Amino acid sequence: MNVYQEIFEFAASAGALEGYVFKKENVPSKEFDDWIYNLLKQYETFPPDIREHFQESLDRTFGRAVHSLAPLLGSNHPHVVALRSMIKGEMPASSHDFDREKEEKATKFGD
């Protein structure tokens, strides 16, 4: 598979997970067994020089997902631990923290 396609599919799945868990009050963790496992395996297959190009954005996406899931599942739940293992930098302040994305897009594409 083409590396750009792999990155797109990984990013789409990561973003979908973040959106799915956002503002949920109850999530059965079993729904995420394959989803998070597959994300972790995909992440691990990317060489470090590829990951460095999207790591900062991934830290924010998975950081917001962790902020959504940890209160529901517990901070030591395997799904939360797996997501945290893919975060290498700074996490956003909350699951609602989209300020950086908004600022970057405004700078790049205008208000």
N, C-alpha and C. Protein backbone atom coordinates (compact mmCIF):
# COMPACT_ATOMS: atom_id res chain seq x y z
N MET A 1 0.84 -1.17 0.00
CA MET A 1 0.00 0.00 0.00
C MET A 1 0.90 1.25 0.00
N ASN A 2 0.47 2.27 -0.65
CA ASN A 2 1.16 3.55 -0.73
C ASN A 2 1.19 4.21 0.65
N VAL A 3 2.34 4.78 1.04
CA VAL A 3 2.48 5.38 2.37
C VAL A 3 1.49 6.52 2.59
N TYR A 4 1.20 7.28 1.54
CA TYR A 4 0.24 8.38 1.70
C TYR A 4 -1.17 7.84 1.96
N GLN A 5 -1.51 6.75 1.33
CA GLN A 5 -2.81 6.13 1.58
C GLN A 5 -2.87 5.58 3.00
N GLU A 6 -1.77 4.96 3.45
CA GLU A 6 -1.73 4.44 4.81
C GLU A 6 -1.90 5.56 5.84
N ILE A 7 -1.22 6.68 5.60
CA ILE A 7 -1.32 7.81 6.52
C ILE A 7 -2.76 8.34 6.52
N PHE A 8 -3.35 8.47 5.34
CA PHE A 8 -4.73 8.96 5.26
C PHE A 8 -5.67 8.03 6.01
N GLU A 9 -5.56 6.74 5.80
CA GLU A 9 -6.46 5.79 6.46
C GLU A 9 -6.27 5.80 7.97
N PHE A 10 -5.02 5.92 8.42
CA PHE A 10 -4.74 6.01 9.84
C PHE A 10 -5.35 7.29 10.42
N ALA A 11 -5.12 8.41 9.75
CA ALA A 11 -5.63 9.70 10.22
C ALA A 11 -7.15 9.72 10.24
N ALA A 12 -7.77 9.15 9.22
CA ALA A 12 -9.23 9.12 9.18
C ALA A 12 -9.78 8.30 10.34
N SER A 13 -9.17 7.18 10.63
CA SER A 13 -9.62 6.34 11.74
C SER A 13 -9.38 7.01 13.08
N ALA A 14 -8.23 7.69 13.23
CA ALA A 14 -7.93 8.41 14.47
C ALA A 14 -8.93 9.54 14.69
N GLY A 15 -9.21 10.31 13.65
CA GLY A 15 -10.17 11.41 13.75
C GLY A 15 -11.58 10.91 14.02
N ALA A 16 -11.94 9.80 13.40
CA ALA A 16 -13.26 9.23 13.63
C ALA A 16 -13.41 8.78 15.09
N LEU A 17 -12.36 8.19 15.64
CA LEU A 17 -12.40 7.77 17.04
C LEU A 17 -12.59 8.99 17.95
N GLU A 18 -11.80 10.03 17.70
CA GLU A 18 -11.92 11.24 18.51
C GLU A 18 -13.34 11.79 18.46
N GLY A 19 -13.90 11.87 17.27
CA GLY A 19 -15.26 12.38 17.12
C GLY A 19 -16.31 11.49 17.75
N TYR A 20 -16.11 10.19 17.67
CA TYR A 20 -17.07 9.24 18.21
C TYR A 20 -17.17 9.33 19.73
N VAL A 21 -16.04 9.52 20.40
CA VAL A 21 -16.06 9.52 21.86
C VAL A 21 -16.30 10.91 22.45
N PHE A 22 -16.26 11.95 21.63
CA PHE A 22 -16.42 13.32 22.10
C PHE A 22 -17.79 13.53 22.73
N LYS A 23 -17.80 14.04 23.95
CA LYS A 23 -19.02 14.37 24.70
C LYS A 23 -19.93 13.17 24.97
N LYS A 24 -19.38 11.98 24.97
CA LYS A 24 -20.18 10.81 25.31
C LYS A 24 -20.28 10.68 26.83
N GLU A 25 -21.38 10.15 27.28
CA GLU A 25 -21.57 9.92 28.71
C GLU A 25 -21.37 8.46 29.06
N ASN A 26 -21.46 7.60 28.06
CA ASN A 26 -21.30 6.17 28.29
C ASN A 26 -20.80 5.53 27.00
N VAL A 27 -19.72 4.80 27.09
CA VAL A 27 -19.22 4.07 25.92
C VAL A 27 -18.79 2.67 26.36
N PRO A 28 -19.36 1.66 25.76
CA PRO A 28 -18.91 0.30 26.07
C PRO A 28 -17.50 0.10 25.50
N SER A 29 -16.54 -0.16 26.35
CA SER A 29 -15.14 -0.25 25.90
C SER A 29 -14.93 -1.35 24.87
N LYS A 30 -15.76 -2.35 24.86
CA LYS A 30 -15.63 -3.45 23.89
C LYS A 30 -15.77 -2.94 22.45
N GLU A 31 -16.53 -1.85 22.27
CA GLU A 31 -16.69 -1.27 20.94
C GLU A 31 -15.36 -0.82 20.35
N PHE A 32 -14.38 -0.57 21.20
CA PHE A 32 -13.11 0.00 20.77
C PHE A 32 -11.98 -1.01 20.71
N ASP A 33 -12.23 -2.26 21.07
CA ASP A 33 -11.15 -3.24 21.12
C ASP A 33 -10.38 -3.30 19.80
N ASP A 34 -11.06 -3.57 18.71
CA ASP A 34 -10.39 -3.68 17.41
C ASP A 34 -9.92 -2.32 16.91
N TRP A 35 -10.73 -1.31 17.11
CA TRP A 35 -10.43 0.03 16.60
C TRP A 35 -9.09 0.53 17.15
N ILE A 36 -8.95 0.52 18.47
CA ILE A 36 -7.73 1.03 19.09
C ILE A 36 -6.55 0.10 18.84
N TYR A 37 -6.79 -1.19 18.86
CA TYR A 37 -5.72 -2.16 18.56
C TYR A 37 -5.18 -1.92 17.14
N ASN A 38 -6.08 -1.73 16.19
CA ASN A 38 -5.65 -1.49 14.81
C ASN A 38 -4.90 -0.16 14.67
N LEU A 39 -5.37 0.87 15.36
CA LEU A 39 -4.65 2.15 15.34
C LEU A 39 -3.24 1.99 15.89
N LEU A 40 -3.10 1.27 16.99
CA LEU A 40 -1.78 1.06 17.58
C LEU A 40 -0.87 0.29 16.63
N LYS A 41 -1.38 -0.74 16.02
CA LYS A 41 -0.57 -1.53 15.08
C LYS A 41 -0.18 -0.69 13.86
N GLN A 42 -1.12 0.09 13.34
CA GLN A 42 -0.81 0.97 12.21
C GLN A 42 0.27 1.96 12.60
N TYR A 43 0.11 2.58 13.76
CA TYR A 43 1.07 3.56 14.24
C TYR A 43 2.47 2.95 14.31
N GLU A 44 2.54 1.76 14.86
CA GLU A 44 3.84 1.10 15.04
C GLU A 44 4.50 0.73 13.72
N THR A 45 3.73 0.60 12.65
CA THR A 45 4.33 0.25 11.36
C THR A 45 4.96 1.45 10.65
N PHE A 46 4.57 2.66 11.05
CA PHE A 46 5.17 3.84 10.43
C PHE A 46 6.59 4.03 10.94
N PRO A 47 7.54 4.23 10.06
CA PRO A 47 8.90 4.54 10.51
C PRO A 47 8.91 5.89 11.23
N PRO A 48 9.84 6.06 12.18
CA PRO A 48 9.90 7.33 12.93
C PRO A 48 9.98 8.57 12.05
N ASP A 49 10.68 8.50 10.92
CA ASP A 49 10.80 9.68 10.06
C ASP A 49 9.48 10.04 9.38
N ILE A 50 8.59 9.08 9.25
CA ILE A 50 7.24 9.36 8.73
C ILE A 50 6.37 9.92 9.85
N ARG A 51 6.43 9.27 11.02
CA ARG A 51 5.62 9.70 12.17
C ARG A 51 5.89 11.15 12.55
N GLU A 52 7.14 11.58 12.43
CA GLU A 52 7.47 12.94 12.87
C GLU A 52 6.70 14.00 12.10
N HIS A 53 6.22 13.66 10.90
CA HIS A 53 5.48 14.63 10.09
C HIS A 53 4.04 14.84 10.59
N PHE A 54 3.49 13.85 11.29
CA PHE A 54 2.11 14.00 11.76
C PHE A 54 1.97 13.85 13.28
N GLN A 55 3.08 13.63 13.98
CA GLN A 55 3.01 13.34 15.42
C GLN A 55 2.35 14.45 16.22
N GLU A 56 2.68 15.69 15.95
CA GLU A 56 2.12 16.81 16.71
C GLU A 56 0.60 16.86 16.57
N SER A 57 0.10 16.66 15.37
CA SER A 57 -1.35 16.64 15.15
C SER A 57 -1.98 15.42 15.82
N LEU A 58 -1.29 14.30 15.77
CA LEU A 58 -1.79 13.09 16.40
C LEU A 58 -1.85 13.25 17.92
N ASP A 59 -0.84 13.92 18.49
CA ASP A 59 -0.86 14.17 19.93
C ASP A 59 -2.12 14.91 20.33
N ARG A 60 -2.51 15.88 19.53
CA ARG A 60 -3.71 16.66 19.85
C ARG A 60 -4.97 15.81 19.66
N THR A 61 -5.04 15.05 18.56
CA THR A 61 -6.23 14.23 18.29
C THR A 61 -6.40 13.16 19.36
N PHE A 62 -5.34 12.40 19.63
CA PHE A 62 -5.45 11.35 20.64
C PHE A 62 -5.53 11.93 22.04
N GLY A 63 -4.93 13.10 22.25
CA GLY A 63 -5.04 13.76 23.55
C GLY A 63 -6.49 14.09 23.87
N ARG A 64 -7.20 14.63 22.88
CA ARG A 64 -8.62 14.94 23.10
C ARG A 64 -9.42 13.67 23.31
N ALA A 65 -9.09 12.59 22.59
CA ALA A 65 -9.78 11.31 22.80
C ALA A 65 -9.51 10.78 24.20
N VAL A 66 -8.28 10.90 24.68
CA VAL A 66 -7.95 10.46 26.04
C VAL A 66 -8.75 11.26 27.06
N HIS A 67 -8.86 12.57 26.85
CA HIS A 67 -9.65 13.41 27.77
C HIS A 67 -11.12 12.98 27.79
N SER A 68 -11.61 12.47 26.67
CA SER A 68 -13.00 11.99 26.62
C SER A 68 -13.15 10.62 27.25
N LEU A 69 -12.20 9.72 26.99
CA LEU A 69 -12.33 8.33 27.44
C LEU A 69 -11.92 8.10 28.90
N ALA A 70 -10.90 8.79 29.37
CA ALA A 70 -10.39 8.52 30.72
C ALA A 70 -11.46 8.66 31.81
N PRO A 71 -12.31 9.69 31.77
CA PRO A 71 -13.35 9.77 32.81
C PRO A 71 -14.37 8.64 32.73
N LEU A 72 -14.56 8.10 31.55
CA LEU A 72 -15.55 7.03 31.37
C LEU A 72 -14.99 5.65 31.68
N LEU A 73 -13.74 5.41 31.27
CA LEU A 73 -13.16 4.07 31.40
C LEU A 73 -12.14 3.97 32.52
N GLY A 74 -11.59 5.11 32.93
CA GLY A 74 -10.51 5.12 33.92
C GLY A 74 -9.17 5.35 33.23
N SER A 75 -8.29 6.06 33.90
CA SER A 75 -7.02 6.42 33.27
C SER A 75 -6.09 5.23 33.07
N ASN A 76 -6.34 4.12 33.75
CA ASN A 76 -5.50 2.93 33.59
C ASN A 76 -6.12 1.88 32.68
N HIS A 77 -7.26 2.20 32.08
CA HIS A 77 -7.90 1.25 31.16
C HIS A 77 -6.96 1.01 29.97
N PRO A 78 -6.87 -0.22 29.49
CA PRO A 78 -5.96 -0.52 28.37
C PRO A 78 -6.15 0.37 27.13
N HIS A 79 -7.38 0.79 26.85
CA HIS A 79 -7.60 1.65 25.69
C HIS A 79 -6.97 3.03 25.91
N VAL A 80 -7.13 3.56 27.10
CA VAL A 80 -6.56 4.87 27.42
C VAL A 80 -5.03 4.77 27.42
N VAL A 81 -4.50 3.70 27.99
CA VAL A 81 -3.06 3.48 28.02
C VAL A 81 -2.51 3.34 26.60
N ALA A 82 -3.21 2.63 25.73
CA ALA A 82 -2.76 2.46 24.34
C ALA A 82 -2.72 3.80 23.61
N LEU A 83 -3.76 4.61 23.79
CA LEU A 83 -3.77 5.92 23.15
C LEU A 83 -2.65 6.80 23.68
N ARG A 84 -2.46 6.79 25.00
CA ARG A 84 -1.38 7.59 25.60
C ARG A 84 -0.01 7.16 25.08
N SER A 85 0.15 5.87 24.79
CA SER A 85 1.45 5.37 24.32
C SER A 85 1.82 5.95 22.95
N MET A 86 0.82 6.43 22.21
CA MET A 86 1.09 7.02 20.90
C MET A 86 1.25 8.54 20.96
N ILE A 87 1.05 9.11 22.13
CA ILE A 87 1.22 10.55 22.33
C ILE A 87 2.66 10.79 22.78
N LYS A 88 3.39 11.54 22.01
CA LYS A 88 4.81 11.77 22.31
C LYS A 88 5.10 13.19 22.78
N GLY A 89 4.18 14.08 22.56
CA GLY A 89 4.40 15.48 22.92
C GLY A 89 3.34 15.96 23.88
N GLU A 90 2.99 17.21 23.71
CA GLU A 90 2.04 17.86 24.59
C GLU A 90 0.60 17.51 24.21
N MET A 91 -0.19 17.17 25.23
CA MET A 91 -1.61 16.92 25.03
C MET A 91 -2.37 18.23 25.11
N PRO A 92 -3.52 18.31 24.45
CA PRO A 92 -4.37 19.49 24.61
C PRO A 92 -4.89 19.56 26.05
N ALA A 93 -5.39 20.72 26.42
CA ALA A 93 -5.87 20.92 27.79
C ALA A 93 -7.15 20.15 28.09
N SER A 94 -7.97 19.91 27.07
CA SER A 94 -9.24 19.21 27.28
C SER A 94 -9.72 18.60 25.97
N SER A 95 -10.83 17.89 26.04
CA SER A 95 -11.41 17.31 24.83
C SER A 95 -12.02 18.39 23.94
N HIS A 96 -12.18 19.59 24.47
CA HIS A 96 -12.77 20.70 23.72
C HIS A 96 -11.72 21.63 23.12
N ASP A 97 -10.46 21.31 23.28
CA ASP A 97 -9.37 22.20 22.89
C ASP A 97 -9.04 22.08 21.40
N PHE A 98 -9.71 22.93 20.62
CA PHE A 98 -9.48 22.96 19.18
C PHE A 98 -8.84 24.27 18.74
N ASP A 99 -8.38 25.07 19.71
CA ASP A 99 -7.85 26.39 19.40
C ASP A 99 -6.66 26.34 18.45
N ARG A 100 -5.77 25.41 18.65
CA ARG A 100 -4.58 25.33 17.80
C ARG A 100 -4.95 25.02 16.35
N GLU A 101 -5.86 24.09 16.15
CA GLU A 101 -6.31 23.76 14.79
C GLU A 101 -6.95 24.96 14.12
N LYS A 102 -7.81 25.66 14.87
CA LYS A 102 -8.48 26.84 14.32
C LYS A 102 -7.47 27.90 13.93
N GLU A 103 -6.48 28.13 14.79
CA GLU A 103 -5.47 29.13 14.53
C GLU A 103 -4.63 28.76 13.30
N GLU A 104 -4.22 27.49 13.21
CA GLU A 104 -3.42 27.05 12.07
C GLU A 104 -4.20 27.18 10.77
N LYS A 105 -5.45 26.82 10.77
CA LYS A 105 -6.25 26.91 9.55
C LYS A 105 -6.53 28.35 9.18
N ALA A 106 -6.76 29.21 10.16
CA ALA A 106 -6.99 30.61 9.88
C ALA A 106 -5.75 31.25 9.27
N THR A 107 -4.58 30.87 9.79
CA THR A 107 -3.32 31.40 9.25
C THR A 107 -3.08 30.90 7.84
N LYS A 108 -3.36 29.66 7.62
CA LYS A 108 -3.09 29.05 6.30
C LYS A 108 -4.13 29.42 5.26
N PHE A 109 -5.39 29.45 5.64
CA PHE A 109 -6.46 29.64 4.66
C PHE A 109 -7.23 30.95 4.81
N GLY A 110 -6.92 31.72 5.83
CA GLY A 110 -7.64 32.97 6.07
C GLY A 110 -8.83 32.74 6.97
N ASP A 111 -9.38 33.83 7.45
CA ASP A 111 -10.53 33.72 8.37
C ASP A 111 -11.69 33.23 7.61
